[in-house]
Amino acid sequence: MVLRCAILDDYQNVALSSADWSKVAGDVEIKVFNAHLGGSGRVVAALKDFAVVCAMRERTVFPRDVIEALPALKLLITSGMRNASIDLAAAKERGIVVCGTPSFGSGTAVIATGLMLELARRIGYENARLKAGAQWQSTMGLDLEGMTLALLGLGKLGSRMAEIGRAFKMSVIAWSQNLTPEKCAAAGVAYASRDELFRRADFVSIHVQLSDRTRGLVGVREFGLMKNTAYLINTSRGPIVEEAAMLSALRDKRIAGAGLDVFDVEPLPADHLLRRLDNVVLSPHLGYVTAQNYRAFYAGMVEDIRAFLDGAPVRVLT
């Protein structure tokens, strides 16, 4: 029997060209959803007849009520090996197999670096001015050498950022709830206490996962500790930072600025204050969006479907 397979949130229309779907073409009928489905009611209405669903990161949410309302669903695949928007317990109770995919490189660290460089040297800003007819620069940039890069988290991405910071000859310090001085030393990074991290930072770059422990980890108190010349970089998840506290600090110039790739609500609402602040650099969740990563994601989805059809699921998360 041919199973219906939905590929979600392919708003760039690249899913079918990023992998060889012929490996499953005879067994699944593929439908690509280029537009975001929206809320739970629309998700259920659109997917109620699909046995296989391929989700792009956390764009479409699968809480318990959605999972329980999809009677045909047998296999749910997420790009990457972690997806906080899927209720794994509910899926397991329903007998739904949830699988992940490989990923490639450290694209998020590159975006974090790009945001830091734009805040420091205003390349994009000056590019726009030059193309609009300006003759000379209007900004005076900051040299990163000798500045302090403060890493909130020292996992895979935080460690890559430490390497980048050292390449710029920055002083690199780190803190997170479980981080030890020994792990910092192994990564060539100085350990700092939580308060010291924010006090010393010229750039705070966030590289912890969103969880109950990290939600709101950066709030009024932390912004109060930061220098008024310091910048915040967030390429992890929006809710790690208390949005109201961040907006207040940015608006009142209690910090120098922020570079943000993630937001509490995505896509960022058209009327959001962040779009109007001149000390903020924004990107639309570009961290994972690279050609190599998409090839890894979609090829992994094909492998997951093939393995499931053959009775031996791989990369199982439930």
C-alpha atoms as a PDB file:
ATOM      1  CA  MET A   1       0.000   0.000   0.000  1.00  0.00           C
ATOM      2  CA  VAL A   2       1.302   3.456  -0.929  1.00  0.00           C
ATOM      3  CA  LEU A   3       1.543   5.762   2.103  1.00  0.00           C
ATOM      4  CA  ARG A   4       0.945   9.492   1.926  1.00  0.00           C
ATOM      5  CA  CYS A   5       3.984  11.556   2.937  1.00  0.00           C
ATOM      6  CA  ALA A   6       3.889  15.260   3.776  1.00  0.00           C
ATOM      7  CA  ILE A   7       6.977  17.484   3.618  1.00  0.00           C
ATOM      8  CA  LEU A   8       6.290  20.585   5.704  1.00  0.00           C
ATOM      9  CA  ASP A   9       7.463  24.192   5.596  1.00  0.00           C
ATOM     10  CA  ASP A  10       9.458  23.977   2.375  1.00  0.00           C
ATOM     11  CA  TYR A  11       8.938  27.691   1.760  1.00  0.00           C
ATOM     12  CA  GLN A  12      12.159  27.840  -0.290  1.00  0.00           C
ATOM     13  CA  ASN A  13      10.938  24.988  -2.518  1.00  0.00           C
ATOM     14  CA  VAL A  14      14.155  22.968  -2.222  1.00  0.00           C
ATOM     15  CA  ALA A  15      13.120  19.710  -0.501  1.00  0.00           C
ATOM     16  CA  LEU A  16      12.711  17.577  -3.620  1.00  0.00           C
ATOM     17  CA  SER A  17      15.927  18.828  -5.233  1.00  0.00           C
ATOM     18  CA  SER A  18      18.044  18.420  -2.085  1.00  0.00           C
ATOM     19  CA  ALA A  19      17.865  14.599  -1.959  1.00  0.00           C
ATOM     20  CA  ASP A  20      17.152  11.536  -4.080  1.00  0.00           C
ATOM     21  CA  TRP A  21      13.524  10.754  -3.260  1.00  0.00           C
ATOM     22  CA  SER A  22      13.350   7.993  -5.908  1.00  0.00           C
ATOM     23  CA  LYS A  23      14.469   5.548  -3.210  1.00  0.00           C
ATOM     24  CA  VAL A  24      10.975   5.758  -1.691  1.00  0.00           C
ATOM     25  CA  ALA A  25       8.934   7.004  -4.652  1.00  0.00           C
ATOM     26  CA  GLY A  26       7.240   3.654  -5.288  1.00  0.00           C
ATOM     27  CA  ASP A  27       6.078   3.334  -1.701  1.00  0.00           C
ATOM     28  CA  VAL A  28       5.030   6.861  -0.722  1.00  0.00           C
ATOM     29  CA  GLU A  29       2.978   9.568  -2.370  1.00  0.00           C
ATOM     30  CA  ILE A  30       4.750  12.833  -1.567  1.00  0.00           C
ATOM     31  CA  LYS A  31       3.024  16.179  -1.071  1.00  0.00           C
ATOM     32  CA  VAL A  32       5.112  19.248  -0.382  1.00  0.00           C
ATOM     33  CA  PHE A  33       3.645  22.061   1.706  1.00  0.00           C
ATOM     34  CA  ASN A  34       5.485  25.242   0.777  1.00  0.00           C
ATOM     35  CA  ALA A  35       3.361  27.532   2.955  1.00  0.00           C
ATOM     36  CA  HIS A  36       3.325  27.212   6.740  1.00  0.00           C
ATOM     37  CA  LEU A  37       0.169  25.411   7.871  1.00  0.00           C
ATOM     38  CA  GLY A  38      -0.389  27.629  10.900  1.00  0.00           C
ATOM     39  CA  GLY A  39      -2.168  26.668  14.121  1.00  0.00           C
ATOM     40  CA  SER A  40      -3.158  23.248  15.427  1.00  0.00           C
ATOM     41  CA  GLY A  41      -6.562  23.171  13.739  1.00  0.00           C
ATOM     42  CA  ARG A  42      -5.098  23.798  10.313  1.00  0.00           C
ATOM     43  CA  VAL A  43      -2.300  21.290  10.896  1.00  0.00           C
ATOM     44  CA  VAL A  44      -4.784  18.560  11.815  1.00  0.00           C
ATOM     45  CA  ALA A  45      -7.055  19.359   8.864  1.00  0.00           C
ATOM     46  CA  ALA A  46      -4.176  19.262   6.402  1.00  0.00           C
ATOM     47  CA  LEU A  47      -2.401  16.150   7.722  1.00  0.00           C
ATOM     48  CA  LYS A  48      -5.205  13.852   8.913  1.00  0.00           C
ATOM     49  CA  ASP A  49      -4.704  11.428   5.997  1.00  0.00           C
ATOM     50  CA  PHE A  50      -0.899  11.334   6.023  1.00  0.00           C
ATOM     51  CA  ALA A  51       1.039   8.358   7.424  1.00  0.00           C
ATOM     52  CA  VAL A  52       4.451  10.030   7.136  1.00  0.00           C
ATOM     53  CA  VAL A  53       5.251  13.636   8.042  1.00  0.00           C
ATOM     54  CA  CYS A  54       8.635  15.311   7.524  1.00  0.00           C
ATOM     55  CA  ALA A  55       9.036  18.414   9.692  1.00  0.00           C
ATOM     56  CA  MET A  56      11.599  21.182   9.207  1.00  0.00           C
ATOM     57  CA  ARG A  57      13.009  21.964  12.636  1.00  0.00           C
ATOM     58  CA  GLU A  58      10.412  23.471  14.988  1.00  0.00           C
ATOM     59  CA  ARG A  59       8.401  25.395  12.414  1.00  0.00           C
ATOM     60  CA  THR A  60       5.275  23.237  12.828  1.00  0.00           C
ATOM     61  CA  VAL A  61       4.378  22.242  16.373  1.00  0.00           C
ATOM     62  CA  PHE A  62       3.249  18.716  17.280  1.00  0.00           C
ATOM     63  CA  PRO A  63       1.866  18.834  20.832  1.00  0.00           C
ATOM     64  CA  ARG A  64      -0.259  16.063  22.305  1.00  0.00           C
ATOM     65  CA  ASP A  65      -3.575  17.362  20.980  1.00  0.00           C
ATOM     66  CA  VAL A  66      -2.269  17.441  17.400  1.00  0.00           C
ATOM     67  CA  ILE A  67      -0.661  14.015  17.603  1.00  0.00           C
ATOM     68  CA  GLU A  68      -3.820  12.469  19.045  1.00  0.00           C
ATOM     69  CA  ALA A  69      -5.870  14.015  16.225  1.00  0.00           C
ATOM     70  CA  LEU A  70      -3.809  12.433  13.424  1.00  0.00           C
ATOM     71  CA  PRO A  71      -5.102   8.837  13.235  1.00  0.00           C
ATOM     72  CA  ALA A  72      -3.167   7.903  10.090  1.00  0.00           C
ATOM     73  CA  LEU A  73       0.240   9.097  11.356  1.00  0.00           C
ATOM     74  CA  LYS A  74       2.816   6.312  11.684  1.00  0.00           C
ATOM     75  CA  LEU A  75       6.167   8.029  11.126  1.00  0.00           C
ATOM     76  CA  LEU A  76       7.124  11.580  12.151  1.00  0.00           C
ATOM     77  CA  ILE A  77      10.552  12.800  11.056  1.00  0.00           C
ATOM     78  CA  THR A  78      12.307  15.934  12.250  1.00  0.00           C
ATOM     79  CA  SER A  79      15.359  17.485  10.653  1.00  0.00           C
ATOM     80  CA  GLY A  80      18.192  17.158  13.152  1.00  0.00           C
ATOM     81  CA  MET A  81      18.268  14.937  16.209  1.00  0.00           C
ATOM     82  CA  ARG A  82      16.309  17.129  18.620  1.00  0.00           C
ATOM     83  CA  ASN A  83      12.971  18.890  18.305  1.00  0.00           C
ATOM     84  CA  ALA A  84      11.379  20.498  21.361  1.00  0.00           C
ATOM     85  CA  SER A  85       8.124  21.118  19.469  1.00  0.00           C
ATOM     86  CA  ILE A  86       7.278  17.388  19.253  1.00  0.00           C
ATOM     87  CA  ASP A  87       5.615  15.706  22.235  1.00  0.00           C
ATOM     88  CA  LEU A  88       7.635  12.494  22.188  1.00  0.00           C
ATOM     89  CA  ALA A  89       5.674  10.942  25.047  1.00  0.00           C
ATOM     90  CA  ALA A  90       2.380  11.405  23.193  1.00  0.00           C
ATOM     91  CA  ALA A  91       3.892   9.974  20.029  1.00  0.00           C
ATOM     92  CA  LYS A  92       5.186   6.950  21.903  1.00  0.00           C
ATOM     93  CA  GLU A  93       1.785   6.311  23.492  1.00  0.00           C
ATOM     94  CA  ARG A  94       0.213   6.385  20.047  1.00  0.00           C
ATOM     95  CA  GLY A  95       2.826   4.014  18.630  1.00  0.00           C
ATOM     96  CA  ILE A  96       4.161   6.672  16.273  1.00  0.00           C
ATOM     97  CA  VAL A  97       7.834   6.310  15.385  1.00  0.00           C
ATOM     98  CA  VAL A  98       9.738   9.602  15.598  1.00  0.00           C
ATOM     99  CA  CYS A  99      13.088   9.793  13.823  1.00  0.00           C
ATOM    100  CA  GLY A 100      15.773  12.420  13.339  1.00  0.00           C
ATOM    101  CA  THR A 101      18.312  13.128  10.627  1.00  0.00           C
ATOM    102  CA  PRO A 102      21.995  13.963  10.352  1.00  0.00           C
ATOM    103  CA  SER A 103      23.099  17.571  10.112  1.00  0.00           C
ATOM    104  CA  PHE A 104      26.173  19.254   8.689  1.00  0.00           C
ATOM    105  CA  GLY A 105      28.773  21.618  10.056  1.00  0.00           C
ATOM    106  CA  SER A 106      28.302  24.530  12.433  1.00  0.00           C
ATOM    107  CA  GLY A 107      26.287  26.980  10.387  1.00  0.00           C
ATOM    108  CA  THR A 108      24.829  28.626  13.482  1.00  0.00           C
ATOM    109  CA  ALA A 109      28.299  29.586  14.712  1.00  0.00           C
ATOM    110  CA  VAL A 110      28.914  31.265  11.346  1.00  0.00           C
ATOM    111  CA  ILE A 111      25.702  33.307  11.716  1.00  0.00           C
ATOM    112  CA  ALA A 112      26.637  34.275  15.282  1.00  0.00           C
ATOM    113  CA  THR A 113      30.016  35.446  13.981  1.00  0.00           C
ATOM    114  CA  GLY A 114      28.366  37.348  11.141  1.00  0.00           C
ATOM    115  CA  LEU A 115      26.050  39.156  13.546  1.00  0.00           C
ATOM    116  CA  MET A 116      29.002  40.030  15.767  1.00  0.00           C
ATOM    117  CA  LEU A 117      30.950  41.370  12.784  1.00  0.00           C
ATOM    118  CA  GLU A 118      28.001  43.432  11.557  1.00  0.00           C
ATOM    119  CA  LEU A 119      27.593  45.000  14.990  1.00  0.00           C
ATOM    120  CA  ALA A 120      31.317  45.684  15.220  1.00  0.00           C
ATOM    121  CA  ARG A 121      32.072  46.815  11.640  1.00  0.00           C
ATOM    122  CA  ARG A 122      28.659  47.582  10.056  1.00  0.00           C
ATOM    123  CA  ILE A 123      29.576  45.994   6.706  1.00  0.00           C
ATOM    124  CA  GLY A 124      25.991  45.448   5.572  1.00  0.00           C
ATOM    125  CA  TYR A 125      24.988  48.933   6.672  1.00  0.00           C
ATOM    126  CA  GLU A 126      27.857  50.588   4.818  1.00  0.00           C
ATOM    127  CA  ASN A 127      27.233  48.382   1.763  1.00  0.00           C
ATOM    128  CA  ALA A 128      23.661  49.711   1.588  1.00  0.00           C
ATOM    129  CA  ARG A 129      24.870  53.320   1.962  1.00  0.00           C
ATOM    130  CA  LEU A 130      27.525  52.919  -0.737  1.00  0.00           C
ATOM    131  CA  LYS A 131      25.022  51.448  -3.184  1.00  0.00           C
ATOM    132  CA  ALA A 132      22.682  54.323  -2.386  1.00  0.00           C
ATOM    133  CA  GLY A 133      25.353  56.822  -3.476  1.00  0.00           C
ATOM    134  CA  ALA A 134      27.442  57.553  -0.370  1.00  0.00           C
ATOM    135  CA  GLN A 135      31.148  58.199  -0.969  1.00  0.00           C
ATOM    136  CA  TRP A 136      32.743  57.456   2.409  1.00  0.00           C
ATOM    137  CA  GLN A 137      32.008  55.596   5.590  1.00  0.00           C
ATOM    138  CA  SER A 138      29.723  57.045   8.248  1.00  0.00           C
ATOM    139  CA  THR A 139      30.555  54.595  11.029  1.00  0.00           C
ATOM    140  CA  MET A 140      33.621  54.055  13.191  1.00  0.00           C
ATOM    141  CA  GLY A 141      33.940  50.348  13.872  1.00  0.00           C
ATOM    142  CA  LEU A 142      35.272  48.258  16.721  1.00  0.00           C
ATOM    143  CA  ASP A 143      38.321  46.017  16.468  1.00  0.00           C
ATOM    144  CA  LEU A 144      37.470  42.649  18.019  1.00  0.00           C
ATOM    145  CA  GLU A 145      41.066  42.019  19.058  1.00  0.00           C
ATOM    146  CA  GLY A 146      41.373  42.335  22.821  1.00  0.00           C
ATOM    147  CA  MET A 147      37.606  42.372  23.433  1.00  0.00           C
ATOM    148  CA  THR A 148      35.888  39.783  25.616  1.00  0.00           C
ATOM    149  CA  LEU A 149      33.653  37.174  24.015  1.00  0.00           C
ATOM    150  CA  ALA A 150      31.426  35.686  26.724  1.00  0.00           C
ATOM    151  CA  LEU A 151      29.879  32.340  25.800  1.00  0.00           C
ATOM    152  CA  LEU A 152      26.689  31.258  27.515  1.00  0.00           C
ATOM    153  CA  GLY A 153      27.181  27.541  26.869  1.00  0.00           C
ATOM    154  CA  LEU A 154      30.219  25.613  25.679  1.00  0.00           C
ATOM    155  CA  GLY A 155      28.791  22.662  23.754  1.00  0.00           C
ATOM    156  CA  LYS A 156      29.410  21.980  20.072  1.00  0.00           C
ATOM    157  CA  LEU A 157      28.477  25.462  18.885  1.00  0.00           C
ATOM    158  CA  GLY A 158      29.891  27.277  21.887  1.00  0.00           C
ATOM    159  CA  SER A 159      33.216  25.492  21.420  1.00  0.00           C
ATOM    160  CA  ARG A 160      33.274  26.463  17.747  1.00  0.00           C
ATOM    161  CA  MET A 161      32.599  30.074  18.741  1.00  0.00           C
ATOM    162  CA  ALA A 162      35.501  29.862  21.179  1.00  0.00           C
ATOM    163  CA  GLU A 163      37.789  28.865  18.308  1.00  0.00           C
ATOM    164  CA  ILE A 164      36.510  31.777  16.225  1.00  0.00           C
ATOM    165  CA  GLY A 165      36.950  34.213  19.100  1.00  0.00           C
ATOM    166  CA  ARG A 166      40.526  33.091  19.630  1.00  0.00           C
ATOM    167  CA  ALA A 167      41.201  33.503  15.898  1.00  0.00           C
ATOM    168  CA  PHE A 168      40.147  37.151  16.288  1.00  0.00           C
ATOM    169  CA  LYS A 169      42.477  37.373  19.319  1.00  0.00           C
ATOM    170  CA  MET A 170      39.564  37.960  21.665  1.00  0.00           C
ATOM    171  CA  SER A 171      39.567  36.995  25.321  1.00  0.00           C
ATOM    172  CA  VAL A 172      37.062  34.110  25.592  1.00  0.00           C
ATOM    173  CA  ILE A 173      35.180  33.238  28.788  1.00  0.00           C
ATOM    174  CA  ALA A 174      32.270  30.858  29.346  1.00  0.00           C
ATOM    175  CA  TRP A 175      29.581  29.844  31.816  1.00  0.00           C
ATOM    176  CA  SER A 176      26.522  27.584  31.920  1.00  0.00           C
ATOM    177  CA  GLN A 177      24.719  25.670  34.635  1.00  0.00           C
ATOM    178  CA  ASN A 178      26.740  22.464  34.204  1.00  0.00           C
ATOM    179  CA  LEU A 179      29.992  23.903  32.925  1.00  0.00           C
ATOM    180  CA  THR A 180      33.169  23.228  34.927  1.00  0.00           C
ATOM    181  CA  PRO A 181      36.544  24.982  34.987  1.00  0.00           C
ATOM    182  CA  GLU A 182      38.087  21.710  33.766  1.00  0.00           C
ATOM    183  CA  LYS A 183      35.912  21.620  30.641  1.00  0.00           C
ATOM    184  CA  CYS A 184      36.700  25.263  29.953  1.00  0.00           C
ATOM    185  CA  ALA A 185      40.419  24.591  30.287  1.00  0.00           C
ATOM    186  CA  ALA A 186      40.156  21.683  27.841  1.00  0.00           C
ATOM    187  CA  ALA A 187      38.508  24.023  25.335  1.00  0.00           C
ATOM    188  CA  GLY A 188      41.078  26.758  25.848  1.00  0.00           C
ATOM    189  CA  VAL A 189      38.517  29.046  27.480  1.00  0.00           C
ATOM    190  CA  ALA A 190      38.536  30.819  30.843  1.00  0.00           C
ATOM    191  CA  TYR A 191      35.770  29.818  33.250  1.00  0.00           C
ATOM    192  CA  ALA A 192      33.641  32.634  34.651  1.00  0.00           C
ATOM    193  CA  SER A 193      30.859  32.788  37.199  1.00  0.00           C
ATOM    194  CA  ARG A 194      27.423  33.760  35.902  1.00  0.00           C
ATOM    195  CA  ASP A 195      27.673  37.344  37.129  1.00  0.00           C
ATOM    196  CA  GLU A 196      31.275  37.708  35.968  1.00  0.00           C
ATOM    197  CA  LEU A 197      30.325  36.537  32.488  1.00  0.00           C
ATOM    198  CA  PHE A 198      27.842  39.370  32.014  1.00  0.00           C
ATOM    199  CA  ARG A 199      29.953  42.011  33.758  1.00  0.00           C
ATOM    200  CA  ARG A 200      33.075  41.364  31.673  1.00  0.00           C
ATOM    201  CA  ALA A 201      31.447  40.745  28.313  1.00  0.00           C
ATOM    202  CA  ASP A 202      31.871  42.913  25.262  1.00  0.00           C
ATOM    203  CA  PHE A 203      29.801  40.332  23.370  1.00  0.00           C
ATOM    204  CA  VAL A 204      27.550  37.754  25.047  1.00  0.00           C
ATOM    205  CA  SER A 205      26.798  34.904  22.635  1.00  0.00           C
ATOM    206  CA  ILE A 206      24.130  32.379  23.625  1.00  0.00           C
ATOM    207  CA  HIS A 207      24.736  28.683  22.910  1.00  0.00           C
ATOM    208  CA  VAL A 208      22.545  26.749  25.360  1.00  0.00           C
ATOM    209  CA  GLN A 209      19.464  24.735  24.411  1.00  0.00           C
ATOM    210  CA  LEU A 210      16.019  25.967  25.343  1.00  0.00           C
ATOM    211  CA  SER A 211      14.638  24.054  28.334  1.00  0.00           C
ATOM    212  CA  ASP A 212      12.752  24.720  31.527  1.00  0.00           C
ATOM    213  CA  ARG A 213      16.084  25.636  33.137  1.00  0.00           C
ATOM    214  CA  THR A 214      17.196  28.060  30.428  1.00  0.00           C
ATOM    215  CA  ARG A 215      13.889  29.785  29.612  1.00  0.00           C
ATOM    216  CA  GLY A 216      14.330  33.411  30.672  1.00  0.00           C
ATOM    217  CA  LEU A 217      17.960  32.788  31.623  1.00  0.00           C
ATOM    218  CA  VAL A 218      18.909  36.282  30.439  1.00  0.00           C
ATOM    219  CA  GLY A 219      16.644  38.878  32.011  1.00  0.00           C
ATOM    220  CA  VAL A 220      16.539  42.210  33.808  1.00  0.00           C
ATOM    221  CA  ARG A 221      19.283  41.265  36.257  1.00  0.00           C
ATOM    222  CA  GLU A 222      21.690  40.081  33.551  1.00  0.00           C
ATOM    223  CA  PHE A 223      21.136  43.168  31.385  1.00  0.00           C
ATOM    224  CA  GLY A 224      21.774  45.232  34.490  1.00  0.00           C
ATOM    225  CA  LEU A 225      25.176  43.597  34.879  1.00  0.00           C
ATOM    226  CA  MET A 226      26.260  44.234  31.290  1.00  0.00           C
ATOM    227  CA  LYS A 227      28.305  47.251  30.246  1.00  0.00           C
ATOM    228  CA  ASN A 228      26.489  49.878  28.219  1.00  0.00           C
ATOM    229  CA  THR A 229      29.032  49.214  25.463  1.00  0.00           C
ATOM    230  CA  ALA A 230      28.275  45.473  25.344  1.00  0.00           C
ATOM    231  CA  TYR A 231      26.286  43.506  22.764  1.00  0.00           C
ATOM    232  CA  LEU A 232      24.041  40.448  22.957  1.00  0.00           C
ATOM    233  CA  ILE A 233      24.089  37.731  20.264  1.00  0.00           C
ATOM    234  CA  ASN A 234      21.287  35.146  20.241  1.00  0.00           C
ATOM    235  CA  THR A 235      21.298  32.362  17.644  1.00  0.00           C
ATOM    236  CA  SER A 236      19.881  29.687  19.961  1.00  0.00           C
ATOM    237  CA  ARG A 237      16.200  30.248  20.847  1.00  0.00           C
ATOM    238  CA  GLY A 238      14.279  33.439  21.513  1.00  0.00           C
ATOM    239  CA  PRO A 239      12.726  32.528  24.895  1.00  0.00           C
ATOM    240  CA  ILE A 240      16.148  32.029  26.505  1.00  0.00           C
ATOM    241  CA  VAL A 241      16.123  35.827  26.716  1.00  0.00           C
ATOM    242  CA  GLU A 242      13.292  37.706  28.416  1.00  0.00           C
ATOM    243  CA  GLU A 243      12.057  39.738  25.468  1.00  0.00           C
ATOM    244  CA  ALA A 244      10.612  42.623  27.479  1.00  0.00           C
ATOM    245  CA  ALA A 245      13.848  43.041  29.417  1.00  0.00           C
ATOM    246  CA  MET A 246      15.883  42.962  26.197  1.00  0.00           C
ATOM    247  CA  LEU A 247      13.665  45.520  24.463  1.00  0.00           C
ATOM    248  CA  SER A 248      13.907  47.846  27.461  1.00  0.00           C
ATOM    249  CA  ALA A 249      17.712  47.544  27.579  1.00  0.00           C
ATOM    250  CA  LEU A 250      18.004  48.182  23.826  1.00  0.00           C
ATOM    251  CA  ARG A 251      15.541  51.055  23.719  1.00  0.00           C
ATOM    252  CA  ASP A 252      17.139  52.812  26.691  1.00  0.00           C
ATOM    253  CA  LYS A 253      20.682  52.102  25.371  1.00  0.00           C
ATOM    254  CA  ARG A 254      21.618  50.272  28.566  1.00  0.00           C
ATOM    255  CA  ILE A 255      23.444  47.893  26.247  1.00  0.00           C
ATOM    256  CA  ALA A 256      24.992  48.922  22.931  1.00  0.00           C
ATOM    257  CA  GLY A 257      22.974  46.562  20.762  1.00  0.00           C
ATOM    258  CA  ALA A 258      22.006  43.044  19.795  1.00  0.00           C
ATOM    259  CA  GLY A 259      22.353  40.599  16.912  1.00  0.00           C
ATOM    260  CA  LEU A 260      19.380  38.227  16.761  1.00  0.00           C
ATOM    261  CA  ASP A 261      18.648  35.222  14.554  1.00  0.00           C
ATOM    262  CA  VAL A 262      15.836  33.836  16.754  1.00  0.00           C
ATOM    263  CA  PHE A 263      12.704  35.313  18.303  1.00  0.00           C
ATOM    264  CA  ASP A 264       9.877  34.485  20.692  1.00  0.00           C
ATOM    265  CA  VAL A 265       7.452  34.416  17.764  1.00  0.00           C
ATOM    266  CA  GLU A 266       8.667  33.304  14.336  1.00  0.00           C
ATOM    267  CA  PRO A 267       8.393  34.681  11.777  1.00  0.00           C
ATOM    268  CA  LEU A 268       8.979  37.989  13.547  1.00  0.00           C
ATOM    269  CA  PRO A 269       5.728  40.003  13.362  1.00  0.00           C
ATOM    270  CA  ALA A 270       5.842  42.845  10.838  1.00  0.00           C
ATOM    271  CA  ASP A 271       5.046  45.460  13.489  1.00  0.00           C
ATOM    272  CA  HIS A 272       7.521  44.205  16.091  1.00  0.00           C
ATOM    273  CA  LEU A 273       9.619  46.856  17.849  1.00  0.00           C
ATOM    274  CA  LEU A 274      12.831  44.962  17.011  1.00  0.00           C
ATOM    275  CA  ARG A 275      12.341  45.855  13.360  1.00  0.00           C
ATOM    276  CA  ARG A 276      12.528  49.561  14.233  1.00  0.00           C
ATOM    277  CA  LEU A 277      15.503  49.711  16.602  1.00  0.00           C
ATOM    278  CA  ASP A 278      18.675  51.064  14.997  1.00  0.00           C
ATOM    279  CA  ASN A 279      20.984  49.230  17.415  1.00  0.00           C
ATOM    280  CA  VAL A 280      19.717  45.765  16.430  1.00  0.00           C
ATOM    281  CA  VAL A 281      20.842  43.511  13.576  1.00  0.00           C
ATOM    282  CA  LEU A 282      18.265  40.887  12.582  1.00  0.00           C
ATOM    283  CA  SER A 283      18.364  37.729  10.477  1.00  0.00           C
ATOM    284  CA  PRO A 284      15.379  35.386   9.866  1.00  0.00           C
ATOM    285  CA  HIS A 285      16.597  32.220  11.645  1.00  0.00           C
ATOM    286  CA  LEU A 286      19.404  31.564   9.171  1.00  0.00           C
ATOM    287  CA  GLY A 287      21.501  29.456  11.554  1.00  0.00           C
ATOM    288  CA  TYR A 288      20.775  26.021  10.097  1.00  0.00           C
ATOM    289  CA  VAL A 289      19.928  27.150   6.556  1.00  0.00           C
ATOM    290  CA  THR A 290      22.839  26.042   4.374  1.00  0.00           C
ATOM    291  CA  ALA A 291      22.859  23.957   1.214  1.00  0.00           C
ATOM    292  CA  GLN A 292      25.002  21.289   2.884  1.00  0.00           C
ATOM    293  CA  ASN A 293      22.729  21.082   5.911  1.00  0.00           C
ATOM    294  CA  TYR A 294      19.586  20.819   3.782  1.00  0.00           C
ATOM    295  CA  ARG A 295      21.155  17.986   1.792  1.00  0.00           C
ATOM    296  CA  ALA A 296      21.933  16.197   5.061  1.00  0.00           C
ATOM    297  CA  PHE A 297      18.418  16.818   6.408  1.00  0.00           C
ATOM    298  CA  TYR A 298      16.486  15.659   3.354  1.00  0.00           C
ATOM    299  CA  ALA A 299      18.768  12.743   2.515  1.00  0.00           C
ATOM    300  CA  GLY A 300      18.313  11.631   6.114  1.00  0.00           C
ATOM    301  CA  MET A 301      14.535  11.841   5.742  1.00  0.00           C
ATOM    302  CA  VAL A 302      14.697   9.574   2.699  1.00  0.00           C
ATOM    303  CA  GLU A 303      16.838   7.105   4.667  1.00  0.00           C
ATOM    304  CA  ASP A 304      14.416   7.249   7.610  1.00  0.00           C
ATOM    305  CA  ILE A 305      11.413   6.529   5.399  1.00  0.00           C
ATOM    306  CA  ARG A 306      13.177   3.690   3.595  1.00  0.00           C
ATOM    307  CA  ALA A 307      14.308   2.102   6.860  1.00  0.00           C
ATOM    308  CA  PHE A 308      10.811   2.426   8.360  1.00  0.00           C
ATOM    309  CA  LEU A 309       9.240   0.802   5.301  1.00  0.00           C
ATOM    310  CA  ASP A 310      11.794  -2.017   5.546  1.00  0.00           C
ATOM    311  CA  GLY A 311      10.871  -2.613   9.184  1.00  0.00           C
ATOM    312  CA  ALA A 312      14.132  -1.384  10.734  1.00  0.00           C
ATOM    313  CA  PRO A 313      13.744   2.315  11.701  1.00  0.00           C
ATOM    314  CA  VAL A 314      16.957   4.319  12.211  1.00  0.00           C
ATOM    315  CA  ARG A 315      17.767   7.373  14.316  1.00  0.00           C
ATOM    316  CA  VAL A 316      14.695   6.719  16.455  1.00  0.00           C
ATOM    317  CA  LEU A 317      13.910   9.419  19.035  1.00  0.00           C
ATOM    318  CA  THR A 318      10.905   7.753  20.723  1.00  0.00           C
END
